PDB file of N, CA and C in Angstrom:
ATOM      1  N   MET A   1      -1.885  -0.956  -5.969  1.00  0.00           N
ATOM      2  CA  MET A   1      -3.042  -1.322  -5.182  1.00  0.00           C
ATOM      3  C   MET A   1      -4.190  -1.610  -6.152  1.00  0.00           C
ATOM      4  N   VAL A   2      -4.633  -2.872  -6.141  1.00  0.00           N
ATOM      5  CA  VAL A   2      -5.717  -3.292  -7.029  1.00  0.00           C
ATOM      6  C   VAL A   2      -6.814  -3.930  -6.182  1.00  0.00           C
ATOM      7  N   TYR A   3      -8.042  -3.488  -6.377  1.00  0.00           N
ATOM      8  CA  TYR A   3      -9.200  -4.094  -5.735  1.00  0.00           C
ATOM      9  C   TYR A   3      -9.838  -5.046  -6.745  1.00  0.00           C
ATOM     10  N   ASP A   4      -9.972  -6.328  -6.385  1.00  0.00           N
ATOM     11  CA  ASP A   4     -10.567  -7.317  -7.289  1.00  0.00           C
ATOM     12  C   ASP A   4     -11.983  -7.710  -6.879  1.00  0.00           C
ATOM     13  N   THR A   5     -12.226  -7.875  -5.583  1.00  0.00           N
ATOM     14  CA  THR A   5     -13.515  -8.365  -5.093  1.00  0.00           C
ATOM     15  C   THR A   5     -13.949  -7.561  -3.881  1.00  0.00           C
ATOM     16  N   VAL A   6     -15.203  -7.108  -3.903  1.00  0.00           N
ATOM     17  CA  VAL A   6     -15.803  -6.478  -2.721  1.00  0.00           C
ATOM     18  C   VAL A   6     -16.644  -7.551  -2.048  1.00  0.00           C
ATOM     19  N   HIS A   7     -16.281  -7.923  -0.818  1.00  0.00           N
ATOM     20  CA  HIS A   7     -16.987  -8.990  -0.112  1.00  0.00           C
ATOM     21  C   HIS A   7     -18.227  -8.485   0.608  1.00  0.00           C
ATOM     22  N   MET A   8     -18.150  -7.291   1.162  1.00  0.00           N
ATOM     23  CA  MET A   8     -19.335  -6.737   1.820  1.00  0.00           C
ATOM     24  C   MET A   8     -19.170  -5.237   2.020  1.00  0.00           C
ATOM     25  N   VAL A   9     -20.324  -4.575   2.074  1.00  0.00           N
ATOM     26  CA  VAL A   9     -20.372  -3.155   2.414  1.00  0.00           C
ATOM     27  C   VAL A   9     -21.423  -3.018   3.506  1.00  0.00           C
ATOM     28  N   LEU A  10     -21.030  -2.448   4.628  1.00  0.00           N
ATOM     29  CA  LEU A  10     -21.929  -2.249   5.766  1.00  0.00           C
ATOM     30  C   LEU A  10     -22.033  -0.761   6.046  1.00  0.00           C
ATOM     31  N   ALA A  11     -23.232  -0.321   6.377  1.00  0.00           N
ATOM     32  CA  ALA A  11     -23.423   1.094   6.689  1.00  0.00           C
ATOM     33  C   ALA A  11     -24.384   1.239   7.853  1.00  0.00           C
ATOM     34  N   GLN A  12     -24.094   2.221   8.700  1.00  0.00           N
ATOM     35  CA  GLN A  12     -24.997   2.572   9.788  1.00  0.00           C
ATOM     36  C   GLN A  12     -24.767   4.041  10.098  1.00  0.00           C
ATOM     37  N   GLY A  13     -25.850   4.779  10.068  1.00  0.00           N
ATOM     38  CA  GLY A  13     -25.733   6.214  10.332  1.00  0.00           C
ATOM     39  C   GLY A  13     -24.823   6.867   9.301  1.00  0.00           C
ATOM     40  N   ASP A  14     -23.785   7.537   9.775  1.00  0.00           N
ATOM     41  CA  ASP A  14     -22.869   8.236   8.861  1.00  0.00           C
ATOM     42  C   ASP A  14     -21.578   7.449   8.594  1.00  0.00           C
ATOM     43  N   MET A  15     -21.549   6.158   8.963  1.00  0.00           N
ATOM     44  CA  MET A  15     -20.347   5.336   8.791  1.00  0.00           C
ATOM     45  C   MET A  15     -20.594   4.239   7.751  1.00  0.00           C
ATOM     46  N   VAL A  16     -19.590   4.004   6.887  1.00  0.00           N
ATOM     47  CA  VAL A  16     -19.663   2.966   5.856  1.00  0.00           C
ATOM     48  C   VAL A  16     -18.360   2.168   5.893  1.00  0.00           C
ATOM     49  N   LEU A  17     -18.472   0.832   5.929  1.00  0.00           N
ATOM     50  CA  LEU A  17     -17.317  -0.060   5.931  1.00  0.00           C
ATOM     51  C   LEU A  17     -17.367  -0.939   4.688  1.00  0.00           C
ATOM     52  N   ALA A  18     -16.256  -1.014   3.955  1.00  0.00           N
ATOM     53  CA  ALA A  18     -16.134  -1.920   2.812  1.00  0.00           C
ATOM     54  C   ALA A  18     -15.023  -2.920   3.105  1.00  0.00           C
ATOM     55  N   VAL A  19     -15.318  -4.211   2.890  1.00  0.00           N
ATOM     56  CA  VAL A  19     -14.349  -5.291   3.085  1.00  0.00           C
ATOM     57  C   VAL A  19     -14.059  -5.874   1.703  1.00  0.00           C
ATOM     58  N   SER A  20     -12.808  -5.777   1.268  1.00  0.00           N
ATOM     59  CA  SER A  20     -12.442  -6.149  -0.097  1.00  0.00           C
ATOM     60  C   SER A  20     -11.141  -6.936  -0.113  1.00  0.00           C
ATOM     61  N   GLU A  21     -10.840  -7.490  -1.288  1.00  0.00           N
ATOM     62  CA  GLU A  21      -9.533  -8.117  -1.470  1.00  0.00           C
ATOM     63  C   GLU A  21      -9.015  -7.807  -2.861  1.00  0.00           C
ATOM     64  N   GLY A  22      -7.719  -7.925  -2.994  1.00  0.00           N
ATOM     65  CA  GLY A  22      -7.061  -7.665  -4.263  1.00  0.00           C
ATOM     66  C   GLY A  22      -5.580  -7.933  -4.117  1.00  0.00           C
ATOM     67  N   THR A  23      -4.768  -7.097  -4.750  1.00  0.00           N
ATOM     68  CA  THR A  23      -3.326  -7.256  -4.650  1.00  0.00           C
ATOM     69  C   THR A  23      -2.677  -5.907  -4.369  1.00  0.00           C
ATOM     70  N   PHE A  24      -1.578  -5.954  -3.672  1.00  0.00           N
ATOM     71  CA  PHE A  24      -0.748  -4.776  -3.418  1.00  0.00           C
ATOM     72  C   PHE A  24       0.688  -5.187  -3.686  1.00  0.00           C
ATOM     73  N   GLY A  25       1.296  -4.597  -4.685  1.00  0.00           N
ATOM     74  CA  GLY A  25       2.655  -4.985  -5.061  1.00  0.00           C
ATOM     75  C   GLY A  25       2.733  -6.434  -5.507  1.00  0.00           C
ATOM     76  N   GLY A  26       1.639  -6.950  -6.056  1.00  0.00           N
ATOM     77  CA  GLY A  26       1.603  -8.334  -6.527  1.00  0.00           C
ATOM     78  C   GLY A  26       1.236  -9.359  -5.476  1.00  0.00           C
ATOM     79  N   ALA A  27       1.146  -8.953  -4.199  1.00  0.00           N
ATOM     80  CA  ALA A  27       0.805  -9.888  -3.115  1.00  0.00           C
ATOM     81  C   ALA A  27      -0.698  -9.843  -2.832  1.00  0.00           C
ATOM     82  N   PRO A  28      -1.335 -10.998  -2.596  1.00  0.00           N
ATOM     83  CA  PRO A  28      -2.753 -11.013  -2.241  1.00  0.00           C
ATOM     84  C   PRO A  28      -2.966 -10.229  -0.943  1.00  0.00           C
ATOM     85  N   THR A  29      -3.954  -9.332  -0.953  1.00  0.00           N
ATOM     86  CA  THR A  29      -4.130  -8.399   0.159  1.00  0.00           C
ATOM     87  C   THR A  29      -5.601  -8.219   0.493  1.00  0.00           C
ATOM     88  N   SER A  30      -5.900  -8.095   1.787  1.00  0.00           N
ATOM     89  CA  SER A  30      -7.255  -7.737   2.222  1.00  0.00           C
ATOM     90  C   SER A  30      -7.277  -6.246   2.537  1.00  0.00           C
ATOM     91  N   TYR A  31      -8.415  -5.621   2.238  1.00  0.00           N
ATOM     92  CA  TYR A  31      -8.597  -4.186   2.471  1.00  0.00           C
ATOM     93  C   TYR A  31      -9.855  -3.964   3.309  1.00  0.00           C
ATOM     94  N   TYR A  32      -9.717  -3.148   4.329  1.00  0.00           N
ATOM     95  CA  TYR A  32     -10.860  -2.712   5.124  1.00  0.00           C
ATOM     96  C   TYR A  32     -10.855  -1.186   5.072  1.00  0.00           C
ATOM     97  N   ASP A  33     -11.872  -0.603   4.448  1.00  0.00           N
ATOM     98  CA  ASP A  33     -11.978   0.848   4.320  1.00  0.00           C
ATOM     99  C   ASP A  33     -13.194   1.326   5.104  1.00  0.00           C
ATOM    100  N   LEU A  34     -12.995   2.329   5.945  1.00  0.00           N
ATOM    101  CA  LEU A  34     -14.064   2.902   6.746  1.00  0.00           C
ATOM    102  C   LEU A  34     -14.162   4.386   6.424  1.00  0.00           C
ATOM    103  N   TRP A  35     -15.379   4.828   6.105  1.00  0.00           N
ATOM    104  CA  TRP A  35     -15.609   6.235   5.787  1.00  0.00           C
ATOM    105  C   TRP A  35     -16.662   6.818   6.712  1.00  0.00           C
ATOM    106  N   ARG A  36     -16.479   8.095   7.041  1.00  0.00           N
ATOM    107  CA  ARG A  36     -17.532   8.870   7.701  1.00  0.00           C
ATOM    108  C   ARG A  36     -18.034   9.870   6.681  1.00  0.00           C
ATOM    109  N   VAL A  37     -19.350   9.862   6.483  1.00  0.00           N
ATOM    110  CA  VAL A  37     -19.979  10.722   5.484  1.00  0.00           C
ATOM    111  C   VAL A  37     -20.678  11.878   6.185  1.00  0.00           C
ATOM    112  N   GLU A  38     -20.495  13.065   5.636  1.00  0.00           N
ATOM    113  CA  GLU A  38     -21.127  14.266   6.198  1.00  0.00           C
ATOM    114  C   GLU A  38     -21.639  15.120   5.052  1.00  0.00           C
ATOM    115  N   ASP A  39     -22.911  15.476   5.084  1.00  0.00           N
ATOM    116  CA  ASP A  39     -23.536  16.284   4.028  1.00  0.00           C
ATOM    117  C   ASP A  39     -23.341  15.664   2.650  1.00  0.00           C
ATOM    118  N   GLY A  40     -23.416  14.322   2.563  1.00  0.00           N
ATOM    119  CA  GLY A  40     -23.308  13.625   1.291  1.00  0.00           C
ATOM    120  C   GLY A  40     -21.895  13.514   0.742  1.00  0.00           C
ATOM    121  N   LYS A  41     -20.894  13.886   1.537  1.00  0.00           N
ATOM    122  CA  LYS A  41     -19.505  13.816   1.091  1.00  0.00           C
ATOM    123  C   LYS A  41     -18.669  13.054   2.112  1.00  0.00           C
ATOM    124  N   ILE A  42     -17.558  12.473   1.653  1.00  0.00           N
ATOM    125  CA  ILE A  42     -16.658  11.778   2.560  1.00  0.00           C
ATOM    126  C   ILE A  42     -15.936  12.818   3.412  1.00  0.00           C
ATOM    127  N   ALA A  43     -16.127  12.722   4.724  1.00  0.00           N
ATOM    128  CA  ALA A  43     -15.495  13.660   5.648  1.00  0.00           C
ATOM    129  C   ALA A  43     -14.194  13.084   6.220  1.00  0.00           C
ATOM    130  N   GLU A  44     -14.183  11.747   6.444  1.00  0.00           N
ATOM    131  CA  GLU A  44     -12.992  11.086   6.990  1.00  0.00           C
ATOM    132  C   GLU A  44     -12.882   9.698   6.387  1.00  0.00           C
ATOM    133  N   HIS A  45     -11.657   9.176   6.334  1.00  0.00           N
ATOM    134  CA  HIS A  45     -11.410   7.837   5.812  1.00  0.00           C
ATOM    135  C   HIS A  45     -10.287   7.187   6.613  1.00  0.00           C
ATOM    136  N   TRP A  46     -10.489   5.910   6.956  1.00  0.00           N
ATOM    137  CA  TRP A  46      -9.462   5.097   7.610  1.00  0.00           C
ATOM    138  C   TRP A  46      -9.371   3.798   6.821  1.00  0.00           C
ATOM    139  N   ASP A  47      -8.192   3.191   6.796  1.00  0.00           N
ATOM    140  CA  ASP A  47      -8.073   1.906   6.121  1.00  0.00           C
ATOM    141  C   ASP A  47      -7.039   1.020   6.798  1.00  0.00           C
ATOM    142  N   VAL A  48      -7.201  -0.267   6.569  1.00  0.00           N
ATOM    143  CA  VAL A  48      -6.257  -1.281   7.041  1.00  0.00           C
ATOM    144  C   VAL A  48      -6.038  -2.234   5.873  1.00  0.00           C
ATOM    145  N   MET A  49      -4.778  -2.554   5.605  1.00  0.00           N
ATOM    146  CA  MET A  49      -4.417  -3.523   4.571  1.00  0.00           C
ATOM    147  C   MET A  49      -3.591  -4.618   5.232  1.00  0.00           C
ATOM    148  N   GLU A  50      -3.821  -5.867   4.816  1.00  0.00           N
ATOM    149  CA  GLU A  50      -3.033  -6.971   5.362  1.00  0.00           C
ATOM    150  C   GLU A  50      -2.796  -8.003   4.270  1.00  0.00           C
ATOM    151  N   THR A  51      -1.554  -8.452   4.133  1.00  0.00           N
ATOM    152  CA  THR A  51      -1.234  -9.509   3.183  1.00  0.00           C
ATOM    153  C   THR A  51      -1.947 -10.788   3.606  1.00  0.00           C
ATOM    154  N   ILE A  52      -2.563 -11.462   2.645  1.00  0.00           N
ATOM    155  CA  ILE A  52      -3.249 -12.722   2.922  1.00  0.00           C
ATOM    156  C   ILE A  52      -2.215 -13.840   2.870  1.00  0.00           C
ATOM    157  N   ALA A  53      -2.093 -14.591   3.954  1.00  0.00           N
ATOM    158  CA  ALA A  53      -1.100 -15.673   4.063  1.00  0.00           C
ATOM    159  C   ALA A  53      -1.398 -16.788   3.059  1.00  0.00           C
ATOM    160  N   ASP A  54      -0.373 -17.507   2.680  1.00  0.00           N
ATOM    161  CA  ASP A  54      -0.545 -18.680   1.814  1.00  0.00           C
ATOM    162  C   ASP A  54      -1.424 -19.703   2.523  1.00  0.00           C
ATOM    163  N   ARG A  55      -2.315 -20.335   1.769  1.00  0.00           N
ATOM    164  CA  ARG A  55      -3.284 -21.269   2.330  1.00  0.00           C
ATOM    165  C   ARG A  55      -2.621 -22.371   3.168  1.00  0.00           C
ATOM    166  N   GLU A  56      -1.460 -22.857   2.764  1.00  0.00           N
ATOM    167  CA  GLU A  56      -0.811 -23.949   3.503  1.00  0.00           C
ATOM    168  C   GLU A  56      -0.317 -23.520   4.886  1.00  0.00           C
ATOM    169  N   THR A  57      -0.300 -22.216   5.171  1.00  0.00           N
ATOM    170  CA  THR A  57       0.134 -21.745   6.489  1.00  0.00           C
ATOM    171  C   THR A  57      -1.040 -21.469   7.425  1.00  0.00           C
ATOM    172  N   TRP A  58      -2.274 -21.596   6.927  1.00  0.00           N
ATOM    173  CA  TRP A  58      -3.450 -21.316   7.746  1.00  0.00           C
ATOM    174  C   TRP A  58      -3.558 -22.310   8.906  1.00  0.00           C
ATOM    175  N   ALA A  59      -3.995 -21.823  10.069  1.00  0.00           N
ATOM    176  CA  ALA A  59      -4.205 -22.689  11.225  1.00  0.00           C
ATOM    177  C   ALA A  59      -5.557 -23.388  11.173  1.00  0.00           C
ATOM    178  N   ASN A  60      -6.470 -22.897  10.285  1.00  0.00           N
ATOM    179  CA  ASN A  60      -7.793 -23.501  10.112  1.00  0.00           C
ATOM    180  C   ASN A  60      -8.257 -23.220   8.693  1.00  0.00           C
ATOM    181  N   GLU A  61      -9.447 -23.659   8.346  1.00  0.00           N
ATOM    182  CA  GLU A  61      -9.987 -23.481   6.992  1.00  0.00           C
ATOM    183  C   GLU A  61     -10.965 -22.318   6.891  1.00  0.00           C
ATOM    184  N   ASN A  62     -11.001 -21.444   7.896  1.00  0.00           N
ATOM    185  CA  ASN A  62     -11.948 -20.340   7.898  1.00  0.00           C
ATOM    186  C   ASN A  62     -11.643 -19.284   6.841  1.00  0.00           C
ATOM    187  N   GLY A  63     -10.389 -19.075   6.510  1.00  0.00           N
ATOM    188  CA  GLY A  63     -10.015 -18.076   5.522  1.00  0.00           C
ATOM    189  C   GLY A  63     -10.121 -16.663   6.063  1.00  0.00           C
ATOM    190  N   LYS A  64      -9.816 -15.715   5.233  1.00  0.00           N
ATOM    191  CA  LYS A  64      -9.806 -14.306   5.631  1.00  0.00           C
ATOM    192  C   LYS A  64     -11.220 -13.705   5.623  1.00  0.00           C
ATOM    193  N   PHE A  65     -12.057 -14.212   4.742  1.00  0.00           N
ATOM    194  CA  PHE A  65     -13.384 -13.599   4.589  1.00  0.00           C
ATOM    195  C   PHE A  65     -14.451 -14.572   4.992  1.00  0.00           C
TER     196      PHE A  65
END
């Protein structure tokens, strides 16, 4: 699991979301990490990873990010 680019970090209250991309097992991958912070420490973490499809298979030019 390699993180290459952080596209955005959003925070509100005690929740922080990071949207990133990199590679997992050599495949281009998007990462969405969500943390809940309590007393200045990470209390909970959730994540979603998805392989980024080859550009020629895209239904439009919007891309993942």
